[in-house]
Amino acid sequence: MRSDPSNPEIAAAFDELADLYELDGAIVHRVMAYRAAAKAAREATVSVAALTRKGTVTSLPGIGRTLEEKLVALLETGSIPATVKLRAKYPPGLLDMTRLPGLGPKRARKLFDELGIDSLDALRVAGEGQQLRDVKGFGPSPGRRVMSRSPGVYFARSFSAAGIVPVSSSATSFSSSVLPIPGSDVTSPRRVRPAT
């Protein structure tokens, strides 16, 4: 028998579903509802799974009947059907791209639709080839910010007049003129927004 998911795991499932819905172009209220449910699960002082099994999970702020149904499915099957359906609709690398600070689901979808970028590797290649400049909203500065946050990509301290200068994607060739990009962990189940 499978153990119940922890509150952080439930929060991650709702965050992923919110990202997938946003990637899919769902109305903002639906996306916000799943983000609010993720926050409620993260901040709950009691087990959300236990509340779901008791039928009292709707007592938590931000969790109504629809979200309760999703939780019941998660407990019974280990997944949320809407998540499974939306994952099948998009390449897995596209969801990884949404976790880069400053990119997010809408901008990742724009890169996918306009340039066919569907993974972090494809994003790196497009950045190195200066293709991001061709997409509205991804000129030299936004393109440089997105590329500077791509995991495993290192850049020289000085930029050429043409834009970013990729130095190496290998940590083995690390030198004093190359800086690792801090906070580039895309394994986080939650998208982290850059500090303002």
Protein backbone atom coordinates (compact mmCIF):
# COMPACT_ATOMS: atom_id res chain seq x y z
CA MET A 1 0.00 0.00 0.00
CA ARG A 2 1.28 3.42 -0.97
CA SER A 3 1.76 5.98 1.80
CA ASP A 4 -0.13 9.25 1.67
CA PRO A 5 1.68 12.19 0.12
CA SER A 6 3.09 14.77 2.52
CA ASN A 7 1.89 18.37 2.52
CA PRO A 8 4.94 19.54 0.52
CA GLU A 9 4.28 16.80 -2.06
CA ILE A 10 0.64 17.85 -2.35
CA ALA A 11 1.73 21.49 -2.70
CA ALA A 12 4.18 20.47 -5.44
CA ALA A 13 1.39 18.60 -7.27
CA PHE A 14 -0.85 21.69 -7.19
CA ASP A 15 2.03 23.95 -8.26
CA GLU A 16 2.76 21.67 -11.19
CA LEU A 17 -0.89 21.63 -12.20
CA ALA A 18 -1.01 25.44 -11.98
CA ASP A 19 2.08 25.67 -14.22
CA LEU A 20 0.55 23.22 -16.70
CA TYR A 21 -2.74 25.12 -16.79
CA GLU A 22 -0.88 28.39 -17.30
CA LEU A 23 1.18 26.77 -20.06
CA ASP A 24 -2.09 25.64 -21.60
CA GLY A 25 -3.55 29.16 -21.52
CA ALA A 26 -6.20 28.53 -18.84
CA ILE A 27 -7.97 31.51 -17.33
CA VAL A 28 -5.98 33.26 -14.65
CA HIS A 29 -8.52 32.41 -11.92
CA ARG A 30 -7.99 28.68 -12.38
CA VAL A 31 -4.22 29.09 -12.18
CA MET A 32 -4.52 31.27 -9.08
CA ALA A 33 -6.83 28.73 -7.43
CA TYR A 34 -4.22 25.97 -7.77
CA ARG A 35 -1.45 28.29 -6.53
CA ALA A 36 -3.61 29.19 -3.51
CA ALA A 37 -4.26 25.48 -2.85
CA ALA A 38 -0.51 24.79 -3.04
CA LYS A 39 0.12 27.56 -0.53
CA ALA A 40 -2.61 26.23 1.76
CA ALA A 41 -1.08 22.73 1.63
CA ARG A 42 2.41 24.04 2.32
CA GLU A 43 1.22 26.10 5.29
CA ALA A 44 -1.19 23.55 6.77
CA THR A 45 -0.27 22.44 10.27
CA VAL A 46 -2.13 19.15 9.87
CA SER A 47 -1.93 16.49 7.19
CA VAL A 48 -3.90 17.54 4.11
CA ALA A 49 -4.14 13.87 3.12
CA ALA A 50 -5.67 13.00 6.50
CA LEU A 51 -8.18 15.85 6.16
CA THR A 52 -9.05 14.59 2.67
CA ARG A 53 -9.64 11.07 3.96
CA LYS A 54 -11.90 12.48 6.73
CA GLY A 55 -13.81 14.57 4.19
CA THR A 56 -12.93 17.85 5.92
CA VAL A 57 -10.21 19.18 3.63
CA THR A 58 -12.51 21.96 2.39
CA SER A 59 -12.12 23.55 5.81
CA LEU A 60 -8.69 24.72 4.65
CA PRO A 61 -8.68 28.17 3.03
CA GLY A 62 -8.40 27.96 -0.76
CA ILE A 63 -9.56 24.34 -1.07
CA GLY A 64 -13.07 23.75 -2.34
CA ARG A 65 -14.98 20.78 -3.76
CA THR A 66 -13.14 20.68 -7.11
CA LEU A 67 -9.75 20.65 -5.42
CA GLU A 68 -11.02 18.06 -2.95
CA GLU A 69 -11.84 15.81 -5.92
CA LYS A 70 -8.30 16.26 -7.22
CA LEU A 71 -6.92 15.35 -3.78
CA VAL A 72 -9.08 12.23 -3.58
CA ALA A 73 -7.76 11.15 -7.00
CA LEU A 74 -4.19 11.87 -5.88
CA LEU A 75 -4.64 9.72 -2.76
CA GLU A 76 -6.38 6.87 -4.60
CA THR A 77 -4.26 6.69 -7.76
CA GLY A 78 -1.08 8.60 -6.98
CA SER A 79 -1.78 11.22 -9.64
CA ILE A 80 -4.22 13.91 -10.64
CA PRO A 81 -5.92 13.07 -13.98
CA ALA A 82 -5.75 16.67 -15.24
CA THR A 83 -1.99 16.68 -14.62
CA VAL A 84 -1.54 13.43 -16.53
CA LYS A 85 -3.57 14.79 -19.45
CA LEU A 86 -1.67 18.09 -19.61
CA ARG A 87 1.75 16.41 -19.23
CA ALA A 88 0.92 14.33 -22.30
CA LYS A 89 0.09 17.48 -24.25
CA TYR A 90 3.52 19.14 -23.85
CA PRO A 91 7.14 17.98 -24.02
CA PRO A 92 8.56 17.31 -20.53
CA GLY A 93 11.42 19.76 -21.11
CA LEU A 94 8.94 22.59 -21.58
CA LEU A 95 7.77 22.25 -17.99
CA ASP A 96 11.42 22.30 -16.85
CA MET A 97 11.81 25.61 -18.69
CA THR A 98 8.93 27.13 -16.73
CA ARG A 99 10.94 26.70 -13.54
CA LEU A 100 13.68 29.06 -14.65
CA PRO A 101 13.41 32.35 -12.76
CA GLY A 102 12.16 35.04 -15.10
CA LEU A 103 10.79 32.67 -17.72
CA GLY A 104 7.59 31.10 -16.40
CA PRO A 105 4.85 29.23 -18.27
CA LYS A 106 3.64 32.02 -20.57
CA ARG A 107 7.09 32.95 -21.83
CA ALA A 108 8.12 29.28 -22.15
CA ARG A 109 5.01 28.65 -24.23
CA LYS A 110 5.85 31.65 -26.42
CA LEU A 111 9.33 30.25 -27.10
CA PHE A 112 7.80 26.84 -27.82
CA ASP A 113 5.20 28.26 -30.22
CA GLU A 114 7.54 30.65 -32.06
CA LEU A 115 10.89 28.83 -32.08
CA GLY A 116 10.00 25.24 -31.17
CA ILE A 117 12.14 25.43 -28.02
CA ASP A 118 11.01 22.50 -25.91
CA SER A 119 13.87 21.84 -23.46
CA LEU A 120 16.61 23.49 -21.45
CA ASP A 121 19.17 22.26 -24.00
CA ALA A 122 17.19 23.76 -26.88
CA LEU A 123 16.94 27.02 -24.91
CA ARG A 124 20.71 27.06 -24.42
CA VAL A 125 21.32 26.44 -28.13
CA ALA A 126 18.85 29.17 -29.10
CA GLY A 127 20.51 31.58 -26.69
CA GLU A 128 23.97 30.79 -28.01
CA GLY A 129 22.65 31.31 -31.54
CA GLN A 130 21.09 34.66 -30.58
CA GLN A 131 17.64 33.37 -31.68
CA LEU A 132 15.90 34.70 -28.56
CA ARG A 133 16.33 38.24 -29.90
CA ASP A 134 13.86 37.44 -32.71
CA VAL A 135 10.99 36.80 -30.26
CA LYS A 136 9.06 39.83 -29.08
CA GLY A 137 9.79 40.43 -25.41
CA PHE A 138 13.10 38.55 -25.56
CA GLY A 139 15.43 41.26 -26.85
CA PRO A 140 19.06 41.56 -25.74
CA SER A 141 18.38 42.28 -22.05
CA PRO A 142 15.54 39.79 -21.40
CA GLY A 143 17.33 37.17 -23.48
CA ARG A 144 20.51 37.69 -21.50
CA ARG A 145 18.60 37.39 -18.20
CA VAL A 146 16.93 34.13 -19.28
CA MET A 147 20.21 32.66 -20.48
CA SER A 148 22.04 33.72 -17.35
CA ARG A 149 19.58 31.65 -15.34
CA SER A 150 19.84 28.53 -17.47
CA PRO A 151 21.34 25.65 -15.50
CA GLY A 152 24.79 24.40 -16.39
CA VAL A 153 25.58 27.36 -18.62
CA TYR A 154 28.43 29.68 -17.75
CA PHE A 155 29.12 33.12 -19.16
CA ALA A 156 32.10 35.45 -19.33
CA ARG A 157 31.96 38.53 -17.12
CA SER A 158 32.09 40.80 -20.14
CA PHE A 159 29.56 40.56 -22.92
CA SER A 160 30.29 41.16 -26.57
CA ALA A 161 28.46 43.89 -28.43
CA ALA A 162 26.32 41.19 -30.01
CA GLY A 163 25.05 39.96 -26.66
CA ILE A 164 25.95 37.10 -24.38
CA VAL A 165 29.11 35.12 -24.90
CA PRO A 166 28.75 31.52 -23.79
CA VAL A 167 32.05 30.27 -22.45
CA SER A 168 31.35 26.70 -21.47
CA SER A 169 28.59 24.35 -20.44
CA SER A 170 31.07 22.15 -18.65
CA ALA A 171 32.16 22.79 -15.09
CA THR A 172 35.44 21.04 -15.89
CA SER A 173 36.62 23.98 -17.98
CA PHE A 174 35.74 26.49 -15.30
CA SER A 175 38.16 29.42 -15.13
CA SER A 176 38.43 32.71 -13.27
CA SER A 177 36.71 34.57 -16.10
CA VAL A 178 33.65 32.35 -15.83
CA LEU A 179 30.89 32.60 -13.24
CA PRO A 180 28.49 29.80 -12.28
CA ILE A 181 24.89 30.91 -12.30
CA PRO A 182 23.59 30.85 -8.70
CA GLY A 183 20.19 29.37 -7.94
CA SER A 184 19.92 27.43 -11.18
CA ASP A 185 18.41 24.31 -9.63
CA VAL A 186 15.45 23.30 -11.81
CA THR A 187 14.59 20.31 -9.69
CA SER A 188 12.55 22.52 -7.42
CA PRO A 189 8.87 21.65 -7.76
CA ARG A 190 8.02 25.33 -7.42
CA ARG A 191 8.95 28.09 -9.77
CA VAL A 192 11.00 30.67 -7.93
CA ARG A 193 10.53 34.26 -8.94
CA PRO A 194 13.55 36.57 -9.00
CA ALA A 195 13.86 39.05 -6.15
CA THR A 196 12.67 42.53 -7.03
